[in-house]
Amino acid sequence: MDIFLTYLLASGLALPLGVLIARLYAAPASPFTAGLLRLCGVDASRGMGWRQYGSALIGTNVLLGLSAYLIYALQGALPLNPDGIGNMRWDTALHTAASFITNTNQQHYSGQSGLSYFSQLVATVTLQFVTPAVGMAALFAVLRGLKGQANVGNYYLDVTRAVGVLVPAAFVLALLLTSQGVPSTYGGAKVAQLMEAQTVEGKAVTTQTIPVGPVAAMVAIKQLGTNGGGWYGPNSSVPLENPTPLSNLLSMTSLIVFPISLVFASGLFLNRRRFGGAIIAVMSVTSAALTFGAVMAERQPNAALSGLAAPGGNLEGKEVRLGTDATALWASLTTQTSNGSVAGMHDSFNPLGGLVPQLGMFLNDVYGGIGVGMINMLVFVVLTVFIAGLMVGRTPELFGRKIEVREIKLASLIILLQPLLVLGFTAAAVSFPEITGTSNPGFHGLSQVLYEYNSAYANNGSGFEGLGDNTPWWNVTCAIVLILARFLPILGPLAIAGLLASKKAAPETSGTLRVDTPIFAGMLLSVMLLLQLLNFAPTLVLGPVAEQLTLSQPASPTTGVQK
């Protein structure tokens, strides 16, 4: 029932939201928005070419990233720190700034004890609004280029519009979450008296310190903005972040509502509703398959507890109040988007259950992050049109404009960047066991390392948390992957759109390859899956598949141990 309600509610909200967003970006700047930008020295009516747009995007993100780094590194001396949290170490601050500036929220620290209220609100939550807004703005710049407009828009106006959509949505969700019991306070941590004293390291403990704070505000935008992470280290598995069935439903729906709405908005903005429908069909079929795989895998018992646990699904690393299905659904949806927040420990999933999040992040366009998910899908559309053109012996065209050598080179480099970074850094990490910090040897240890870099590249942020990742190696290498994987796959499609916009559109005829038919949708799905399987299947076979085959071997009749 959770699965059905989540998809139904998300679809019902996404369609009108998509219509609203498409109309917003098609209209001229409102007097209020234009006046606000004028106060900041920006002329909202002044358009930009794709190079100017890309430069503005990079420039503002560099300034925001540096500001965030300084806040994290100096938070001990800043206000709104009632719990006296100290400065972050340089490499942790670097990784954290890179993580939040890229809409990833990969956390190598525990949220409730690693950041002060000032850091959470001024740096983290601010970036959680700005970075999805940047992704949405970049999408509409690309769409304008595909429509043949050399003026791809005004970056500052586009970002302001996106923030104007995200803020009221997050405000409403924060109120709903607060009504369910999610903390919303500036007070310090609460101290509770234990009903029974505990002994920890030889000392008697009679109280428990419970961190609180303006949790609801952060949780709302972390879900809606495909940010991920959480106020608390274990994210939404903590009852304070996700206390009730209703909060769980709202949170899961929020994971995908904006990514789906932007697919609808893209079709409307391009005046090609059937094309938008074809894309949403490809994404939804893939999403359903991944969710089915995750749920069925986690309904299987945990092989490590064979004969020791009650019959049923794998409850290791899961909240009993959520159960296997809801936790698997969350894991599937959070990695289909670039969200990455968790409601259970992915490291404790069955091997094939842990394979599903990996697949979602390798594809990186099953709904995807706000704006960037659709941008990633458009790259596959360009490649599919090219392949289809070669198959029928025609010059490939997209929306009447020829796809030529430069466009295909850029699209190919974008696709190849992912295996280069993910597999390259994975190979480097496992070559030096003393720096990997894995808690498991063999197949699962490889999966832990692969997942970390896969999550960083997909701007996802979730992790197999058996990994000791708060070290200079992991912080620096993941920061490199985060930054390259965020901005190059935005700038590349922006350049493709700019190049296409400079070409004369040919009228569509009966011989034109249509990109809004079920046949093209099927071919797009095939190209997408084949390319990513060719890139990553060998590594997955050495990780989760090999682990599953090992666990599936029959146990010895004398020792009960699997052979």
Protein backbone atom coordinates (compact mmCIF):
# COMPACT_ATOMS: atom_id res chain seq x y z
CA MET A 1 0.00 0.00 0.00
CA ASP A 2 2.89 2.39 0.78
CA ILE A 3 4.27 1.86 -2.70
CA PHE A 4 0.95 2.52 -4.45
CA LEU A 5 0.15 5.61 -2.35
CA THR A 6 3.60 7.11 -2.84
CA TYR A 7 3.55 6.85 -6.64
CA LEU A 8 -0.10 7.95 -6.80
CA LEU A 9 0.37 11.01 -4.58
CA ALA A 10 3.60 12.03 -6.31
CA SER A 11 2.02 11.79 -9.77
CA GLY A 12 -1.09 13.68 -8.66
CA LEU A 13 1.02 16.55 -7.30
CA ALA A 14 3.64 16.55 -10.07
CA LEU A 15 1.30 17.28 -12.98
CA PRO A 16 -0.14 20.60 -11.74
CA LEU A 17 3.27 21.54 -10.35
CA GLY A 18 4.82 20.89 -13.75
CA VAL A 19 2.22 23.09 -15.44
CA LEU A 20 2.96 25.87 -12.95
CA ILE A 21 6.73 25.64 -13.47
CA ALA A 22 6.46 25.57 -17.29
CA ARG A 23 4.28 28.69 -17.27
CA LEU A 24 6.60 30.43 -14.83
CA TYR A 25 9.66 29.90 -17.02
CA ALA A 26 7.83 30.78 -20.24
CA ALA A 27 6.60 34.13 -18.87
CA PRO A 28 8.63 37.34 -18.60
CA ALA A 29 9.95 38.36 -15.19
CA SER A 30 7.31 39.73 -12.86
CA PRO A 31 7.76 43.36 -11.70
CA PHE A 32 8.55 42.15 -8.18
CA THR A 33 11.24 39.70 -9.35
CA ALA A 34 12.72 42.21 -11.80
CA GLY A 35 12.83 44.87 -9.07
CA LEU A 36 14.45 42.48 -6.60
CA LEU A 37 17.15 41.57 -9.11
CA ARG A 38 17.65 45.24 -9.99
CA LEU A 39 18.51 45.90 -6.35
CA CYS A 40 21.24 43.28 -6.74
CA GLY A 41 22.56 44.93 -9.90
CA VAL A 42 21.04 42.41 -12.33
CA ASP A 43 18.98 43.33 -15.40
CA ALA A 44 16.36 40.57 -15.57
CA SER A 45 15.55 41.38 -19.21
CA ARG A 46 19.12 40.82 -20.36
CA GLY A 47 19.59 37.37 -21.88
CA MET A 48 22.73 35.26 -21.94
CA GLY A 49 24.39 32.97 -24.44
CA TRP A 50 25.29 29.49 -23.24
CA ARG A 51 28.89 30.51 -22.42
CA GLN A 52 27.76 33.50 -20.32
CA TYR A 53 25.16 31.34 -18.60
CA GLY A 54 27.74 28.67 -17.76
CA SER A 55 30.22 31.27 -16.48
CA ALA A 56 27.60 32.82 -14.20
CA LEU A 57 26.67 29.37 -12.89
CA ILE A 58 30.26 28.43 -12.09
CA GLY A 59 31.12 31.83 -10.62
CA THR A 60 28.24 31.94 -8.15
CA ASN A 61 28.83 28.35 -7.06
CA VAL A 62 32.52 29.03 -6.40
CA LEU A 63 31.62 31.97 -4.15
CA LEU A 64 28.95 29.96 -2.31
CA GLY A 65 31.30 27.00 -1.88
CA LEU A 66 34.07 29.12 -0.41
CA SER A 67 31.62 30.80 1.97
CA ALA A 68 30.31 27.42 3.14
CA TYR A 69 33.85 26.11 3.68
CA LEU A 70 34.74 29.06 5.90
CA ILE A 71 31.54 28.66 7.95
CA TYR A 72 32.19 24.95 8.55
CA ALA A 73 35.87 25.48 9.35
CA LEU A 74 35.18 28.35 11.79
CA GLN A 75 31.80 27.35 13.25
CA GLY A 76 33.17 27.05 16.78
CA ALA A 77 33.58 30.82 16.94
CA LEU A 78 30.25 31.66 15.28
CA PRO A 79 26.85 32.29 16.95
CA LEU A 80 23.89 29.87 17.29
CA ASN A 81 26.03 27.15 18.80
CA PRO A 82 24.35 26.30 22.12
CA ASP A 83 25.96 22.84 22.26
CA GLY A 84 29.50 24.17 21.80
CA ILE A 85 30.32 22.19 18.65
CA GLY A 86 33.90 22.78 17.49
CA ASN A 87 35.40 23.65 14.11
CA MET A 88 35.44 21.02 11.38
CA ARG A 89 38.79 19.57 10.35
CA TRP A 90 40.03 21.07 7.04
CA ASP A 91 39.38 17.96 4.93
CA THR A 92 35.95 17.34 6.46
CA ALA A 93 35.02 21.00 5.86
CA LEU A 94 36.24 20.70 2.25
CA HIS A 95 34.19 17.58 1.62
CA THR A 96 31.11 19.00 3.35
CA ALA A 97 31.25 22.25 1.35
CA ALA A 98 31.76 20.31 -1.90
CA SER A 99 28.92 17.98 -0.95
CA PHE A 100 26.35 20.68 -0.26
CA ILE A 101 27.35 22.94 -3.17
CA THR A 102 26.71 20.02 -5.53
CA ASN A 103 23.24 19.11 -4.23
CA THR A 104 24.69 15.86 -2.85
CA ASN A 105 24.69 16.12 0.95
CA GLN A 106 27.10 13.22 1.34
CA GLN A 107 27.94 13.36 5.03
CA HIS A 108 31.24 12.14 6.48
CA TYR A 109 30.19 13.45 9.89
CA SER A 110 27.19 12.85 12.13
CA GLY A 111 24.72 15.64 11.50
CA GLN A 112 23.51 16.30 15.03
CA SER A 113 27.01 16.48 16.52
CA GLY A 114 29.09 17.76 13.61
CA LEU A 115 27.40 21.07 12.76
CA SER A 116 26.20 24.02 14.84
CA TYR A 117 22.77 25.57 14.28
CA PHE A 118 24.48 28.42 12.44
CA SER A 119 26.24 26.02 10.07
CA GLN A 120 23.07 24.00 9.54
CA LEU A 121 20.91 27.02 8.73
CA VAL A 122 23.20 29.61 7.12
CA ALA A 123 25.38 27.23 5.11
CA THR A 124 23.62 23.88 4.76
CA VAL A 125 19.95 24.83 4.46
CA THR A 126 20.78 27.85 2.26
CA LEU A 127 22.64 25.59 -0.15
CA GLN A 128 19.79 23.09 0.00
CA PHE A 129 17.59 25.77 -1.57
CA VAL A 130 20.14 27.25 -3.97
CA THR A 131 21.64 24.08 -5.45
CA PRO A 132 18.36 22.49 -6.64
CA ALA A 133 17.42 25.94 -7.97
CA VAL A 134 20.66 25.93 -9.99
CA GLY A 135 19.76 22.51 -11.42
CA MET A 136 16.28 23.69 -12.39
CA ALA A 137 17.68 26.85 -13.97
CA ALA A 138 20.23 24.84 -15.99
CA LEU A 139 17.48 22.56 -17.30
CA PHE A 140 15.46 25.43 -18.72
CA ALA A 141 18.59 26.96 -20.25
CA VAL A 142 19.18 23.65 -22.06
CA LEU A 143 15.53 23.48 -23.15
CA ARG A 144 15.71 27.00 -24.60
CA GLY A 145 18.73 25.93 -26.63
CA LEU A 146 16.86 22.89 -27.91
CA LYS A 147 14.06 25.22 -29.00
CA GLY A 148 16.57 27.12 -31.10
CA GLN A 149 17.03 30.14 -28.86
CA ALA A 150 20.60 31.47 -28.83
CA ASN A 151 19.54 33.47 -25.76
CA VAL A 152 19.24 30.64 -23.24
CA GLY A 153 17.89 32.92 -20.50
CA ASN A 154 19.14 34.92 -17.57
CA TYR A 155 20.84 32.72 -14.99
CA TYR A 156 20.03 34.93 -12.02
CA LEU A 157 16.39 35.24 -13.00
CA ASP A 158 16.05 31.49 -13.53
CA VAL A 159 17.58 30.67 -10.14
CA THR A 160 15.35 33.24 -8.41
CA ARG A 161 12.27 31.70 -10.02
CA ALA A 162 13.28 28.23 -8.83
CA VAL A 163 13.87 29.43 -5.27
CA GLY A 164 10.44 31.08 -5.43
CA VAL A 165 8.90 27.67 -6.13
CA LEU A 166 10.94 25.71 -3.58
CA VAL A 167 10.49 28.04 -0.59
CA PRO A 168 6.67 27.87 -0.29
CA ALA A 169 6.67 24.14 -0.98
CA ALA A 170 9.25 23.56 1.77
CA PHE A 171 7.35 25.86 4.14
CA VAL A 172 4.17 23.81 3.74
CA LEU A 173 6.00 20.50 4.16
CA ALA A 174 7.87 21.79 7.23
CA LEU A 175 4.55 22.71 8.87
CA LEU A 176 3.14 19.26 8.09
CA LEU A 177 6.22 17.54 9.52
CA THR A 178 6.12 19.74 12.63
CA SER A 179 2.51 18.70 13.14
CA GLN A 180 3.71 15.08 13.19
CA GLY A 181 6.24 15.74 15.93
CA VAL A 182 9.44 16.61 14.07
CA PRO A 183 11.37 19.11 16.27
CA SER A 184 11.30 22.77 15.29
CA THR A 185 13.18 24.77 17.92
CA TYR A 186 16.31 26.84 18.47
CA GLY A 187 16.73 25.44 21.98
CA GLY A 188 19.72 23.30 22.88
CA ALA A 189 19.83 19.54 23.33
CA LYS A 190 17.39 17.96 25.79
CA VAL A 191 18.47 15.76 28.67
CA ALA A 192 16.33 12.75 29.58
CA GLN A 193 16.58 10.65 32.72
CA LEU A 194 17.11 6.95 31.98
CA MET A 195 14.63 4.56 33.55
CA GLU A 196 17.52 2.22 34.31
CA ALA A 197 21.17 3.20 34.77
CA GLN A 198 23.63 1.84 32.20
CA THR A 199 27.34 1.11 32.51
CA VAL A 200 29.48 2.48 29.66
CA GLU A 201 33.25 1.96 29.75
CA GLY A 202 33.07 1.28 33.47
CA LYS A 203 31.08 4.41 34.27
CA ALA A 204 27.46 4.61 35.34
CA VAL A 205 25.27 6.59 32.93
CA THR A 206 21.89 7.84 34.19
CA THR A 207 20.96 10.44 31.57
CA GLN A 208 20.70 10.66 27.79
CA THR A 209 21.36 13.81 25.77
CA ILE A 210 18.93 14.17 22.85
CA PRO A 211 19.91 16.70 20.15
CA VAL A 212 17.04 18.74 18.73
CA GLY A 213 16.87 22.01 16.76
CA PRO A 214 15.06 23.39 13.68
CA VAL A 215 14.88 19.87 12.25
CA ALA A 216 11.58 20.17 10.33
CA ALA A 217 12.85 23.05 8.18
CA MET A 218 15.91 21.10 7.07
CA VAL A 219 14.06 17.82 6.52
CA ALA A 220 11.48 19.56 4.30
CA ILE A 221 13.98 21.02 1.84
CA LYS A 222 16.34 18.04 2.00
CA GLN A 223 13.49 15.90 0.67
CA LEU A 224 11.88 18.33 -1.78
CA GLY A 225 15.20 19.61 -3.14
CA THR A 226 16.64 16.11 -3.79
CA ASN A 227 19.34 17.10 -1.32
CA GLY A 228 19.35 14.17 1.06
CA GLY A 229 21.42 13.78 4.18
CA GLY A 230 19.71 14.64 7.43
CA TRP A 231 19.80 16.54 10.68
CA TYR A 232 20.66 13.27 12.37
CA GLY A 233 23.36 10.89 11.19
CA PRO A 234 20.97 7.97 10.50
CA ASN A 235 18.66 10.40 8.63
CA SER A 236 14.98 9.49 8.45
CA SER A 237 15.35 6.22 10.33
CA VAL A 238 15.51 8.39 13.48
CA PRO A 239 12.01 8.81 14.95
CA LEU A 240 12.67 12.51 15.55
CA GLU A 241 13.07 13.04 11.77
CA ASN A 242 10.37 10.62 10.71
CA PRO A 243 8.02 9.88 13.62
CA THR A 244 4.74 8.67 12.03
CA PRO A 245 3.35 6.77 9.02
CA LEU A 246 2.10 10.08 7.61
CA SER A 247 5.52 11.72 7.92
CA ASN A 248 6.99 8.70 6.16
CA LEU A 249 4.50 8.96 3.28
CA LEU A 250 5.06 12.71 2.94
CA SER A 251 8.83 12.26 2.96
CA MET A 252 8.84 9.50 0.34
CA THR A 253 6.47 11.44 -1.91
CA SER A 254 8.67 14.51 -1.59
CA LEU A 255 11.64 12.51 -2.87
CA ILE A 256 10.26 12.34 -6.41
CA VAL A 257 7.58 15.01 -6.81
CA PHE A 258 9.82 17.77 -8.21
CA PRO A 259 11.87 15.51 -10.53
CA ILE A 260 8.64 14.12 -12.03
CA SER A 261 7.08 17.56 -12.32
CA LEU A 262 10.09 18.83 -14.28
CA VAL A 263 9.64 16.11 -16.89
CA PHE A 264 6.04 17.26 -17.39
CA ALA A 265 7.24 20.88 -17.41
CA SER A 266 9.88 20.08 -20.06
CA GLY A 267 7.31 18.64 -22.45
CA LEU A 268 5.04 21.65 -21.97
CA PHE A 269 7.88 24.17 -22.31
CA LEU A 270 9.06 22.57 -25.56
CA ASN A 271 5.46 22.39 -26.83
CA ARG A 272 6.04 18.65 -27.21
CA ARG A 273 3.76 16.99 -24.70
CA ARG A 274 4.11 13.56 -26.31
CA PHE A 275 7.88 13.79 -25.94
CA GLY A 276 7.47 14.56 -22.24
CA GLY A 277 5.09 11.62 -21.98
CA ALA A 278 7.62 9.30 -23.64
CA ILE A 279 10.36 10.37 -21.22
CA ILE A 280 8.15 9.97 -18.16
CA ALA A 281 7.16 6.49 -19.42
CA VAL A 282 10.82 5.42 -19.74
CA MET A 283 11.62 6.77 -16.28
CA SER A 284 8.54 5.23 -14.65
CA VAL A 285 9.07 1.77 -16.15
CA THR A 286 12.66 1.79 -14.92
CA SER A 287 11.58 3.11 -11.52
CA ALA A 288 8.96 0.39 -11.11
CA ALA A 289 11.47 -2.32 -12.04
CA LEU A 290 14.06 -1.04 -9.55
CA THR A 291 11.49 -0.70 -6.76
CA PHE A 292 10.15 -4.20 -7.42
CA GLY A 293 13.68 -5.59 -7.30
CA ALA A 294 14.50 -3.85 -4.02
CA VAL A 295 11.28 -4.89 -2.30
CA MET A 296 11.53 -8.54 -3.39
CA ALA A 297 15.20 -8.75 -2.40
CA GLU A 298 14.53 -7.43 1.10
CA ARG A 299 11.57 -9.74 1.60
CA GLN A 300 14.09 -12.58 1.57
CA PRO A 301 15.62 -13.65 4.90
CA ASN A 302 19.09 -12.52 5.88
CA ALA A 303 21.42 -15.43 5.12
CA ALA A 304 23.77 -14.42 7.94
CA LEU A 305 20.96 -14.99 10.45
CA SER A 306 19.72 -18.28 8.99
CA GLY A 307 18.23 -20.39 11.77
CA LEU A 308 18.73 -17.63 14.33
CA ALA A 309 15.93 -15.19 13.48
CA ALA A 310 12.18 -15.41 13.14
CA PRO A 311 10.93 -16.26 9.64
CA GLY A 312 10.39 -13.29 7.36
CA GLY A 313 12.26 -10.60 5.48
CA ASN A 314 15.61 -9.02 6.22
CA LEU A 315 15.09 -6.65 9.15
CA GLU A 316 18.76 -6.09 9.91
CA GLY A 317 19.51 -2.36 9.79
CA LYS A 318 15.83 -1.43 9.50
CA GLU A 319 13.32 0.24 11.76
CA VAL A 320 10.75 -2.40 12.76
CA ARG A 321 8.05 0.28 12.66
CA LEU A 322 8.79 0.83 8.94
CA GLY A 323 9.38 -2.78 7.92
CA THR A 324 11.10 -4.21 4.87
CA ASP A 325 8.82 -2.91 2.09
CA ALA A 326 8.77 0.76 3.12
CA THR A 327 12.53 0.76 3.77
CA ALA A 328 13.25 -0.88 0.41
CA LEU A 329 10.92 1.59 -1.34
CA TRP A 330 12.74 4.51 0.27
CA ALA A 331 16.13 3.06 -0.73
CA SER A 332 14.96 2.64 -4.31
CA LEU A 333 13.44 6.12 -4.66
CA THR A 334 16.25 7.95 -2.89
CA THR A 335 18.80 6.51 -5.35
CA GLN A 336 16.62 6.96 -8.43
CA THR A 337 16.79 10.66 -7.59
CA SER A 338 19.91 12.42 -6.34
CA ASN A 339 18.41 12.61 -2.85
CA GLY A 340 20.36 10.07 -0.85
CA SER A 341 18.54 10.37 2.49
CA VAL A 342 17.95 6.97 4.07
CA ALA A 343 15.39 5.28 6.30
CA GLY A 344 17.51 2.18 6.89
CA MET A 345 21.11 1.02 6.58
CA HIS A 346 21.84 0.14 2.94
CA ASP A 347 24.98 -1.67 4.12
CA SER A 348 22.72 -4.22 5.85
CA PHE A 349 20.58 -4.95 2.78
CA ASN A 350 20.78 -8.36 1.17
CA PRO A 351 23.35 -8.33 -1.66
CA LEU A 352 20.76 -8.00 -4.43
CA GLY A 353 18.85 -5.45 -2.35
CA GLY A 354 22.05 -3.38 -2.16
CA LEU A 355 22.51 -3.83 -5.92
CA VAL A 356 19.33 -1.86 -6.68
CA PRO A 357 20.54 1.48 -5.22
CA GLN A 358 23.79 1.03 -7.13
CA LEU A 359 21.86 0.57 -10.40
CA GLY A 360 19.70 3.62 -9.73
CA MET A 361 22.79 5.78 -9.24
CA PHE A 362 24.64 4.32 -12.23
CA LEU A 363 21.68 5.26 -14.45
CA ASN A 364 21.40 8.67 -12.75
CA ASP A 365 18.38 9.69 -14.83
CA VAL A 366 15.47 7.69 -13.38
CA TYR A 367 13.74 10.91 -12.33
CA GLY A 368 17.17 12.05 -11.11
CA GLY A 369 17.99 15.26 -9.26
CA ILE A 370 16.03 18.48 -9.75
CA GLY A 371 16.83 19.63 -13.28
CA VAL A 372 19.92 17.47 -13.72
CA GLY A 373 17.96 14.22 -13.94
CA MET A 374 16.16 15.46 -17.05
CA ILE A 375 19.42 16.92 -18.40
CA ASN A 376 21.08 13.51 -18.04
CA MET A 377 18.17 11.90 -19.87
CA LEU A 378 18.50 14.42 -22.71
CA VAL A 379 22.12 13.31 -23.18
CA PHE A 380 20.87 9.77 -23.73
CA VAL A 381 18.22 11.14 -26.09
CA VAL A 382 20.99 12.74 -28.20
CA LEU A 383 22.94 9.46 -28.31
CA THR A 384 19.82 7.45 -29.13
CA VAL A 385 18.89 9.80 -31.98
CA PHE A 386 22.43 9.46 -33.33
CA ILE A 387 22.36 5.64 -33.17
CA ALA A 388 18.89 5.52 -34.72
CA GLY A 389 20.04 7.81 -37.52
CA LEU A 390 22.94 5.49 -38.29
CA MET A 391 20.60 2.49 -38.33
CA VAL A 392 18.26 3.98 -40.94
CA GLY A 393 20.93 5.81 -42.92
CA ARG A 394 19.76 9.36 -42.20
CA THR A 395 21.50 12.37 -40.71
CA PRO A 396 20.40 12.38 -37.06
CA GLU A 397 18.23 15.34 -36.08
CA LEU A 398 16.72 16.43 -32.79
CA PHE A 399 13.76 18.83 -33.02
CA GLY A 400 14.75 19.62 -36.61
CA ARG A 401 18.42 20.42 -35.91
CA LYS A 402 21.23 18.19 -37.09
CA ILE A 403 23.32 16.34 -34.52
CA GLU A 404 26.89 16.37 -35.77
CA VAL A 405 30.40 15.53 -34.64
CA ARG A 406 30.80 18.15 -31.90
CA GLU A 407 27.51 17.28 -30.21
CA ILE A 408 28.26 13.56 -30.23
CA LYS A 409 31.78 14.08 -28.88
CA LEU A 410 30.42 16.12 -25.99
CA ALA A 411 27.66 13.60 -25.24
CA SER A 412 30.15 10.70 -25.36
CA LEU A 413 32.59 12.45 -23.02
CA ILE A 414 29.77 13.10 -20.54
CA ILE A 415 28.82 9.41 -20.55
CA LEU A 416 32.47 8.27 -20.22
CA LEU A 417 33.17 10.65 -17.33
CA GLN A 418 31.16 8.46 -14.96
CA PRO A 419 33.11 5.18 -15.33
CA LEU A 420 36.38 7.13 -15.47
CA LEU A 421 35.81 8.74 -12.07
CA VAL A 422 33.85 5.98 -10.30
CA LEU A 423 35.87 2.98 -11.46
CA GLY A 424 39.17 4.88 -11.47
CA PHE A 425 38.94 6.00 -7.86
CA THR A 426 37.48 2.63 -6.79
CA ALA A 427 40.47 0.84 -8.30
CA ALA A 428 42.87 3.27 -6.58
CA ALA A 429 41.16 2.83 -3.21
CA VAL A 430 41.08 -0.97 -3.21
CA SER A 431 44.71 -1.08 -4.35
CA PHE A 432 45.74 0.36 -0.98
CA PRO A 433 43.80 -1.50 1.76
CA GLU A 434 45.33 0.64 4.51
CA ILE A 435 43.39 3.71 3.29
CA THR A 436 40.02 2.19 2.37
CA GLY A 437 38.71 1.63 5.90
CA THR A 438 36.24 -1.07 4.84
CA SER A 439 34.58 -3.09 7.58
CA ASN A 440 34.16 -6.15 5.36
CA PRO A 441 36.70 -8.09 3.28
CA GLY A 442 36.08 -9.53 -0.15
CA PHE A 443 33.01 -8.90 -2.25
CA HIS A 444 31.12 -6.70 0.19
CA GLY A 445 34.19 -4.58 0.85
CA LEU A 446 34.39 -3.84 -2.88
CA SER A 447 30.69 -2.92 -2.87
CA GLN A 448 31.29 -0.45 -0.02
CA VAL A 449 34.06 1.36 -1.90
CA LEU A 450 32.17 1.32 -5.22
CA TYR A 451 29.02 2.63 -3.55
CA GLU A 452 30.83 5.61 -2.00
CA TYR A 453 32.21 6.88 -5.31
CA ASN A 454 29.03 5.94 -7.18
CA SER A 455 27.03 7.99 -4.67
CA ALA A 456 29.43 10.92 -5.01
CA TYR A 457 29.23 10.90 -8.81
CA ALA A 458 25.44 10.67 -8.85
CA ASN A 459 25.31 13.61 -6.41
CA ASN A 460 23.30 11.24 -4.24
CA GLY A 461 24.97 11.17 -0.84
CA SER A 462 23.80 7.85 0.58
CA GLY A 463 26.39 5.29 1.61
CA PHE A 464 27.26 1.80 2.75
CA GLU A 465 28.08 3.07 6.21
CA GLY A 466 30.42 0.27 7.17
CA LEU A 467 33.04 2.44 5.50
CA GLY A 468 35.34 4.56 7.67
CA ASP A 469 35.07 7.54 5.35
CA ASN A 470 35.95 10.58 7.49
CA THR A 471 39.63 10.53 6.51
CA PRO A 472 41.70 12.84 4.29
CA TRP A 473 41.70 10.24 1.49
CA TRP A 474 37.95 9.84 1.32
CA ASN A 475 37.18 13.50 1.94
CA VAL A 476 39.53 14.80 -0.76
CA THR A 477 38.87 12.16 -3.43
CA CYS A 478 35.11 12.30 -2.94
CA ALA A 479 35.24 16.12 -3.11
CA ILE A 480 36.98 15.84 -6.51
CA VAL A 481 34.33 13.43 -7.79
CA LEU A 482 31.51 15.55 -6.39
CA ILE A 483 32.62 18.75 -8.10
CA LEU A 484 33.50 17.23 -11.49
CA ALA A 485 30.35 15.10 -11.57
CA ARG A 486 28.10 18.05 -10.77
CA PHE A 487 29.35 20.74 -13.10
CA LEU A 488 30.73 18.98 -16.18
CA PRO A 489 27.45 17.11 -16.88
CA ILE A 490 25.64 20.47 -16.65
CA LEU A 491 28.09 22.45 -18.80
CA GLY A 492 28.33 19.72 -21.48
CA PRO A 493 24.59 19.56 -22.29
CA LEU A 494 24.44 23.37 -22.06
CA ALA A 495 27.13 23.51 -24.76
CA ILE A 496 25.25 20.93 -26.86
CA ALA A 497 22.07 22.99 -26.59
CA GLY A 498 23.99 26.14 -27.55
CA LEU A 499 25.50 24.45 -30.59
CA LEU A 500 22.11 23.12 -31.72
CA ALA A 501 20.54 26.55 -31.26
CA SER A 502 23.01 28.01 -33.77
CA LYS A 503 21.78 25.67 -36.50
CA LYS A 504 18.89 26.24 -38.85
CA ALA A 505 15.88 24.03 -38.12
CA ALA A 506 14.67 21.79 -40.93
CA PRO A 507 10.93 21.26 -41.28
CA GLU A 508 9.68 17.91 -40.00
CA THR A 509 8.55 15.51 -42.71
CA SER A 510 7.30 11.95 -42.88
CA GLY A 511 10.94 10.82 -42.92
CA THR A 512 11.86 12.65 -39.72
CA LEU A 513 12.74 10.46 -36.76
CA ARG A 514 10.09 11.15 -34.16
CA VAL A 515 11.21 11.15 -30.54
CA ASP A 516 7.73 10.96 -29.05
CA THR A 517 6.69 7.44 -30.07
CA PRO A 518 6.65 4.18 -28.08
CA ILE A 519 9.28 2.77 -30.47
CA PHE A 520 11.71 5.58 -29.72
CA ALA A 521 10.97 5.29 -26.00
CA GLY A 522 11.81 1.59 -26.14
CA MET A 523 15.04 2.28 -28.02
CA LEU A 524 15.98 5.04 -25.56
CA LEU A 525 15.51 2.63 -22.66
CA SER A 526 17.59 -0.02 -24.45
CA VAL A 527 20.47 2.36 -25.23
CA MET A 528 20.47 3.70 -21.68
CA LEU A 529 20.57 0.25 -20.09
CA LEU A 530 23.08 -1.26 -22.51
CA LEU A 531 25.57 1.59 -22.19
CA GLN A 532 25.52 1.56 -18.40
CA LEU A 533 25.63 -2.23 -18.17
CA LEU A 534 28.67 -2.29 -20.44
CA ASN A 535 30.31 0.30 -18.21
CA PHE A 536 29.57 -1.24 -14.83
CA ALA A 537 28.42 -4.87 -15.12
CA PRO A 538 31.89 -6.40 -14.48
CA THR A 539 32.29 -4.46 -11.24
CA LEU A 540 28.80 -5.35 -10.07
CA VAL A 541 29.50 -9.03 -10.78
CA LEU A 542 32.61 -8.82 -8.59
CA GLY A 543 30.64 -7.10 -5.82
CA PRO A 544 26.97 -7.75 -4.97
CA VAL A 545 26.38 -10.53 -7.51
CA ALA A 546 29.37 -12.54 -6.32
CA GLU A 547 28.34 -11.95 -2.70
CA GLN A 548 24.82 -13.21 -3.44
CA LEU A 549 26.17 -16.33 -5.16
CA THR A 550 28.38 -17.02 -2.14
CA LEU A 551 25.48 -16.67 0.30
CA SER A 552 23.25 -18.84 -1.90
CA GLN A 553 25.50 -21.88 -1.56
CA PRO A 554 24.06 -24.64 0.65
CA ALA A 555 25.21 -24.86 4.26
CA SER A 556 27.38 -27.70 5.47
CA PRO A 557 25.23 -30.37 7.19
CA THR A 558 27.78 -30.73 10.01
CA THR A 559 28.77 -27.11 10.71
CA GLY A 560 25.80 -25.16 9.36
CA VAL A 561 28.29 -22.87 7.64
CA GLN A 562 27.81 -21.98 3.97
CA LYS A 563 30.40 -23.51 1.69
